[in-house]
Amino acid sequence: MPRDLSDVLHYFLPELERAPDARSDVGPGSGRLGGARSARTTGVAGADRAANARRRIPWPGAVSAPAPAPLSVLCVPIGERDLVHAAFTWSLAVETARQGGSVALVAPEDDRHTPLWSGPRSGTSEPELVYCRAEALADLRQTAADLAVERSRSARQGGIIFTRIPPRWLDEGGDRRDAIRWILMFSSPRREDATATFERIERMVKDRPGLEIGITIHGVRRIAEARDAFDELARRCEERLGLALASYGLLTDDLDIYRAIAAGRSIGETHPDSPAARALADVARLIYEDARSRVLG
């Protein structure tokens, strides 16, 4: 997992540093999970095994293939009126699916009557949007966990279950049942934004030992701006909370982002060649690679 912004700058350098409208040429990952095993049986014992298999009688001592690991569940705190962060999250889900991941987005049932997810349309190749009748964090997390197990059966390259968490549910304190382990947060380089992000992290980790938090800095025009913002936030978390933040890169400050929000579409769909879309594809790649390197049931 990338723990420092310098660990992921190779995804963005040198193009973004030279010009605000530069492009990234990094291609999607191609790793696969799982494998196949073949065996040959001979003689009488082999014939007996074949007969037993046809009669669906398990051979004594046979070992069943292990069940696939559940997909990773990534929780994203998004307020009821936070259209920008919701647009980022949906666009990341779309881009992760494009890169080969099995993806779904879980949200509370109340979201159905808000403009947060106005873009998703049923019957398309977009990530599945699942509304959950949850009244607490534990219920929402359980729905995401069940979906992570279900999707793992057919996912050959791993994937992510993005989960929209109402921030107030995270602020209520930890619960053994909520099993929150992996969180993505967005923060701008503005001082007041960084302070609010730190305060939210402080409340979240209080009763949740082992929580892992990744940060994407958005609304930047230069890499140095994102680096300074992440480094300052990471320093405060390390010194005051003993928490090591993971860096998930940066998103550019681009008018195309707001055009995509207005159109109710992902950024990659509306302006695929824009700096914003290319930066978002790199962020999605970082998160997807992290998801495939761990098991976060």
Protein backbone atom coordinates (compact mmCIF):
# COMPACT_ATOMS: atom_id res chain seq x y z
CA MET A 1 0.00 0.00 0.00
CA PRO A 2 1.38 3.46 -0.86
CA ARG A 3 1.94 5.28 2.42
CA ASP A 4 3.31 8.53 1.05
CA LEU A 5 2.43 10.72 -1.91
CA SER A 6 5.99 10.33 -3.22
CA ASP A 7 5.27 6.59 -3.57
CA VAL A 8 2.62 7.26 -6.21
CA LEU A 9 3.96 10.29 -8.06
CA HIS A 10 5.27 8.09 -10.86
CA TYR A 11 1.63 7.75 -11.91
CA PHE A 12 1.38 11.49 -12.42
CA LEU A 13 4.93 12.66 -13.28
CA PRO A 14 6.21 14.23 -15.40
CA GLU A 15 3.09 15.17 -17.35
CA LEU A 16 1.06 16.96 -14.67
CA GLU A 17 4.10 18.80 -13.33
CA ARG A 18 4.95 20.28 -16.72
CA ALA A 19 1.50 21.59 -17.59
CA PRO A 20 -1.97 21.63 -16.04
CA ASP A 21 -3.52 19.98 -19.11
CA ALA A 22 -0.93 17.22 -19.52
CA ARG A 23 -1.84 13.57 -19.85
CA SER A 24 -0.87 10.33 -18.15
CA ASP A 25 0.12 7.36 -20.28
CA VAL A 26 0.03 4.69 -17.58
CA GLY A 27 -1.99 1.69 -18.75
CA PRO A 28 -4.36 -0.36 -16.61
CA GLY A 29 -3.08 -3.29 -14.59
CA SER A 30 -3.42 -6.77 -15.99
CA GLY A 31 -2.95 -9.00 -12.95
CA ARG A 32 -5.27 -11.95 -12.44
CA LEU A 33 -6.27 -13.76 -9.33
CA GLY A 34 -6.65 -17.47 -8.91
CA GLY A 35 -5.52 -20.38 -11.03
CA ALA A 36 -6.44 -23.86 -12.21
CA ARG A 37 -5.31 -27.23 -11.00
CA SER A 38 -5.50 -30.49 -12.95
CA ALA A 39 -5.05 -34.06 -11.73
CA ARG A 40 -4.98 -37.54 -13.34
CA THR A 41 -6.25 -40.71 -11.70
CA THR A 42 -5.13 -44.21 -12.77
CA GLY A 43 -5.93 -47.82 -11.96
CA VAL A 44 -8.73 -49.18 -9.80
CA ALA A 45 -8.57 -46.31 -7.30
CA GLY A 46 -8.96 -43.84 -10.13
CA ALA A 47 -11.97 -45.69 -11.52
CA ASP A 48 -13.58 -45.81 -8.07
CA ARG A 49 -13.07 -42.06 -7.66
CA ALA A 50 -14.66 -41.42 -11.03
CA ALA A 51 -17.65 -43.59 -10.16
CA ASN A 52 -18.08 -41.86 -6.82
CA ALA A 53 -17.93 -38.49 -8.53
CA ARG A 54 -20.68 -39.52 -10.95
CA ARG A 55 -22.83 -40.65 -8.00
CA ARG A 56 -22.00 -37.30 -6.25
CA ILE A 57 -20.48 -39.25 -3.33
CA PRO A 58 -17.44 -37.42 -1.93
CA TRP A 59 -14.26 -39.51 -1.96
CA PRO A 60 -12.97 -40.08 1.59
CA GLY A 61 -10.33 -37.54 2.48
CA ALA A 62 -11.06 -35.33 -0.53
CA VAL A 63 -10.33 -31.64 -0.01
CA SER A 64 -12.72 -29.12 -1.51
CA ALA A 65 -11.32 -26.11 -3.30
CA PRO A 66 -11.21 -23.09 -0.98
CA ALA A 67 -13.88 -20.47 -1.46
CA PRO A 68 -12.64 -17.31 -3.17
CA ALA A 69 -11.79 -14.42 -0.88
CA PRO A 70 -14.50 -11.75 -0.66
CA LEU A 71 -13.98 -8.60 -2.66
CA SER A 72 -12.66 -5.58 -0.80
CA VAL A 73 -15.18 -3.24 0.79
CA LEU A 74 -14.15 0.40 0.50
CA CYS A 75 -16.17 2.82 2.63
CA VAL A 76 -16.43 6.44 1.51
CA PRO A 77 -17.87 9.09 3.86
CA ILE A 78 -20.12 11.27 1.70
CA GLY A 79 -22.66 13.78 2.98
CA GLU A 80 -26.24 13.84 1.72
CA ARG A 81 -25.54 16.98 -0.34
CA ASP A 82 -21.93 16.28 -1.28
CA LEU A 83 -22.39 15.97 -5.03
CA VAL A 84 -18.71 16.47 -5.82
CA HIS A 85 -17.42 13.59 -3.68
CA ALA A 86 -20.30 11.40 -4.87
CA ALA A 87 -19.30 12.16 -8.47
CA PHE A 88 -15.69 11.26 -7.68
CA THR A 89 -16.78 7.97 -6.12
CA TRP A 90 -19.08 6.96 -8.96
CA SER A 91 -16.41 7.86 -11.52
CA LEU A 92 -13.85 5.77 -9.61
CA ALA A 93 -16.29 2.85 -9.61
CA VAL A 94 -16.81 3.18 -13.36
CA GLU A 95 -13.08 3.39 -14.02
CA THR A 96 -12.33 0.39 -11.78
CA ALA A 97 -14.84 -1.64 -13.77
CA ARG A 98 -13.17 -0.53 -17.00
CA GLN A 99 -9.85 -1.76 -15.65
CA GLY A 100 -11.28 -5.25 -15.13
CA GLY A 101 -12.59 -5.16 -11.57
CA SER A 102 -15.93 -6.47 -10.37
CA VAL A 103 -17.59 -3.37 -8.94
CA ALA A 104 -20.76 -2.36 -7.14
CA LEU A 105 -21.79 0.67 -5.14
CA VAL A 106 -23.86 0.28 -1.98
CA ALA A 107 -25.82 3.24 -0.61
CA PRO A 108 -28.57 3.77 1.98
CA GLU A 109 -32.13 3.51 0.70
CA ASP A 110 -32.70 7.20 1.45
CA ASP A 111 -30.20 8.04 -1.31
CA ARG A 112 -32.77 6.93 -3.87
CA HIS A 113 -34.57 10.24 -3.37
CA THR A 114 -31.47 12.44 -3.61
CA PRO A 115 -29.40 13.65 -6.60
CA LEU A 116 -26.26 11.88 -5.31
CA TRP A 117 -26.50 9.00 -7.76
CA SER A 118 -28.62 10.54 -10.50
CA GLY A 119 -26.15 9.38 -13.15
CA PRO A 120 -26.35 5.55 -12.85
CA ARG A 121 -28.77 3.90 -15.27
CA SER A 122 -30.01 0.31 -15.07
CA GLY A 123 -29.50 -2.01 -18.00
CA THR A 124 -26.06 -0.71 -18.90
CA SER A 125 -22.57 -2.00 -18.34
CA GLU A 126 -22.04 0.44 -15.49
CA PRO A 127 -21.34 -0.75 -11.92
CA GLU A 128 -24.35 -2.08 -10.06
CA LEU A 129 -25.99 0.43 -7.70
CA VAL A 130 -27.48 -1.30 -4.66
CA TYR A 131 -29.74 0.53 -2.22
CA CYS A 132 -29.83 -0.87 1.30
CA ARG A 133 -32.58 -0.42 3.90
CA ALA A 134 -30.09 0.36 6.64
CA GLU A 135 -30.66 2.40 9.75
CA ALA A 136 -27.15 2.04 11.12
CA LEU A 137 -23.60 1.52 9.94
CA ALA A 138 -23.58 -2.17 10.84
CA ASP A 139 -26.56 -2.88 8.55
CA LEU A 140 -25.00 -1.04 5.62
CA ARG A 141 -21.66 -2.76 6.11
CA GLN A 142 -23.32 -6.19 6.28
CA THR A 143 -25.05 -5.62 2.95
CA ALA A 144 -21.72 -4.63 1.42
CA ALA A 145 -20.01 -7.68 2.94
CA ASP A 146 -22.68 -10.05 1.59
CA LEU A 147 -22.35 -8.52 -1.87
CA ALA A 148 -18.55 -8.84 -1.64
CA VAL A 149 -18.90 -12.59 -1.07
CA GLU A 150 -21.47 -12.99 -3.84
CA ARG A 151 -19.43 -11.06 -6.40
CA SER A 152 -16.21 -12.93 -5.52
CA ARG A 153 -17.56 -16.15 -7.04
CA SER A 154 -17.38 -14.74 -10.55
CA ALA A 155 -14.64 -12.09 -10.17
CA ARG A 156 -11.44 -13.23 -11.86
CA GLN A 157 -9.48 -10.04 -11.28
CA GLY A 158 -10.79 -9.02 -7.88
CA GLY A 159 -12.84 -5.92 -7.37
CA ILE A 160 -14.26 -3.38 -4.97
CA ILE A 161 -17.59 -2.81 -3.27
CA PHE A 162 -17.75 0.97 -2.85
CA THR A 163 -19.99 1.91 0.07
CA ARG A 164 -21.42 5.36 0.71
CA ILE A 165 -21.33 5.99 4.45
CA PRO A 166 -23.27 8.91 5.96
CA PRO A 167 -20.57 10.78 7.92
CA ARG A 168 -22.76 11.06 11.01
CA TRP A 169 -22.84 7.26 11.27
CA LEU A 170 -19.05 7.18 11.44
CA ASP A 171 -19.03 9.95 14.03
CA GLU A 172 -21.24 7.94 16.38
CA GLY A 173 -18.37 5.72 17.46
CA GLY A 174 -17.17 2.24 16.68
CA ASP A 175 -19.24 -0.91 16.92
CA ARG A 176 -17.91 -4.44 16.75
CA ARG A 177 -20.59 -5.28 14.20
CA ASP A 178 -19.74 -2.51 11.74
CA ALA A 179 -16.37 -4.13 10.91
CA ILE A 180 -15.15 -1.01 9.11
CA ARG A 181 -11.56 -1.54 7.97
CA TRP A 182 -10.83 0.45 4.81
CA ILE A 183 -11.88 4.05 4.14
CA LEU A 184 -11.30 6.48 1.29
CA MET A 185 -11.46 10.21 2.00
CA PHE A 186 -11.17 13.22 -0.28
CA SER A 187 -9.55 16.44 0.88
CA SER A 188 -8.65 19.66 -0.88
CA PRO A 189 -5.39 21.52 -0.14
CA ARG A 190 -7.28 24.35 1.57
CA ARG A 191 -6.31 24.64 5.22
CA GLU A 192 -9.89 24.60 6.51
CA ASP A 193 -10.64 21.49 4.43
CA ALA A 194 -7.54 19.70 5.70
CA THR A 195 -8.44 20.59 9.29
CA ALA A 196 -11.98 19.26 8.87
CA THR A 197 -10.61 16.05 7.34
CA PHE A 198 -8.22 15.54 10.25
CA GLU A 199 -10.98 16.11 12.80
CA ARG A 200 -13.19 13.54 11.08
CA ILE A 201 -10.34 11.03 11.02
CA GLU A 202 -9.73 11.66 14.71
CA ARG A 203 -13.35 10.84 15.53
CA MET A 204 -13.40 7.74 13.31
CA VAL A 205 -10.26 6.06 14.66
CA LYS A 206 -11.11 6.63 18.32
CA ASP A 207 -13.00 3.33 18.71
CA ARG A 208 -11.76 1.54 15.61
CA PRO A 209 -8.26 0.09 16.06
CA GLY A 210 -6.66 -1.10 12.86
CA LEU A 211 -8.64 1.24 10.62
CA GLU A 212 -6.88 1.94 7.32
CA ILE A 213 -7.49 5.30 5.64
CA GLY A 214 -6.45 6.41 2.19
CA ILE A 215 -6.49 10.03 1.07
CA THR A 216 -6.98 11.53 -2.39
CA ILE A 217 -6.18 15.22 -2.67
CA HIS A 218 -8.48 17.00 -5.11
CA GLY A 219 -8.84 20.50 -6.50
CA VAL A 220 -5.13 20.94 -7.26
CA ARG A 221 -3.32 22.45 -10.24
CA ARG A 222 0.22 21.31 -9.43
CA ILE A 223 1.69 18.15 -7.95
CA ALA A 224 3.62 20.16 -5.37
CA GLU A 225 0.33 21.53 -4.05
CA ALA A 226 -1.04 18.02 -3.53
CA ARG A 227 2.24 16.78 -2.03
CA ASP A 228 2.35 19.55 0.56
CA ALA A 229 -1.30 19.05 1.52
CA PHE A 230 -0.94 15.29 1.93
CA ASP A 231 2.35 15.52 3.82
CA GLU A 232 0.89 17.98 6.33
CA LEU A 233 -2.21 15.86 6.91
CA ALA A 234 -0.14 12.67 7.19
CA ARG A 235 2.21 14.33 9.67
CA ARG A 236 -0.65 15.38 11.94
CA CYS A 237 -2.21 11.92 11.84
CA GLU A 238 1.12 10.24 12.61
CA GLU A 239 2.07 12.56 15.46
CA ARG A 240 -1.31 12.93 17.14
CA LEU A 241 -3.08 9.68 16.30
CA GLY A 242 -0.27 7.23 15.53
CA LEU A 243 -1.98 6.59 12.20
CA ALA A 244 -0.16 6.14 8.88
CA LEU A 245 -2.27 7.45 6.02
CA ALA A 246 -2.11 5.90 2.57
CA SER A 247 -1.85 8.19 -0.44
CA TYR A 248 -4.17 7.60 -3.37
CA GLY A 249 -2.81 10.39 -5.51
CA LEU A 250 -4.52 13.53 -6.69
CA LEU A 251 -7.36 14.85 -8.81
CA THR A 252 -6.94 18.02 -10.82
CA ASP A 253 -9.01 21.16 -10.48
CA ASP A 254 -10.87 21.06 -13.76
CA LEU A 255 -14.11 22.51 -15.09
CA ASP A 256 -14.85 19.17 -16.75
CA ILE A 257 -15.53 17.68 -13.31
CA TYR A 258 -18.43 20.05 -12.75
CA ARG A 259 -19.70 19.54 -16.27
CA ALA A 260 -19.83 15.80 -15.58
CA ILE A 261 -21.75 16.40 -12.36
CA ALA A 262 -24.25 18.57 -14.19
CA ALA A 263 -24.66 15.88 -16.86
CA GLY A 264 -25.12 13.13 -14.27
CA ARG A 265 -22.35 11.05 -15.84
CA SER A 266 -18.91 9.82 -14.86
CA ILE A 267 -16.00 12.08 -15.73
CA GLY A 268 -14.45 9.45 -17.96
CA GLU A 269 -17.65 9.20 -20.01
CA THR A 270 -18.23 12.90 -20.56
CA HIS A 271 -14.64 14.05 -21.15
CA PRO A 272 -12.40 10.95 -21.52
CA ASP A 273 -9.38 12.89 -22.79
CA SER A 274 -9.45 15.61 -20.14
CA PRO A 275 -6.73 15.97 -17.49
CA ALA A 276 -9.40 15.30 -14.84
CA ALA A 277 -10.38 11.97 -16.42
CA ARG A 278 -6.78 10.83 -16.81
CA ALA A 279 -5.89 11.76 -13.24
CA LEU A 280 -9.01 9.94 -12.00
CA ALA A 281 -8.03 6.82 -13.96
CA ASP A 282 -4.66 6.85 -12.17
CA VAL A 283 -6.33 7.21 -8.76
CA ALA A 284 -8.67 4.31 -9.59
CA ARG A 285 -5.66 2.20 -10.58
CA LEU A 286 -3.94 2.86 -7.25
CA ILE A 287 -7.04 1.89 -5.27
CA TYR A 288 -7.72 -1.17 -7.43
CA GLU A 289 -4.15 -2.41 -7.07
CA ASP A 290 -4.40 -1.97 -3.31
CA ALA A 291 -7.69 -3.89 -3.25
CA ARG A 292 -6.16 -6.84 -5.09
CA SER A 293 -3.19 -6.96 -2.73
CA ARG A 294 -5.24 -7.46 0.41
CA VAL A 295 -8.25 -9.27 1.82
CA LEU A 296 -10.75 -6.90 3.41
CA GLY A 297 -13.85 -9.05 3.65
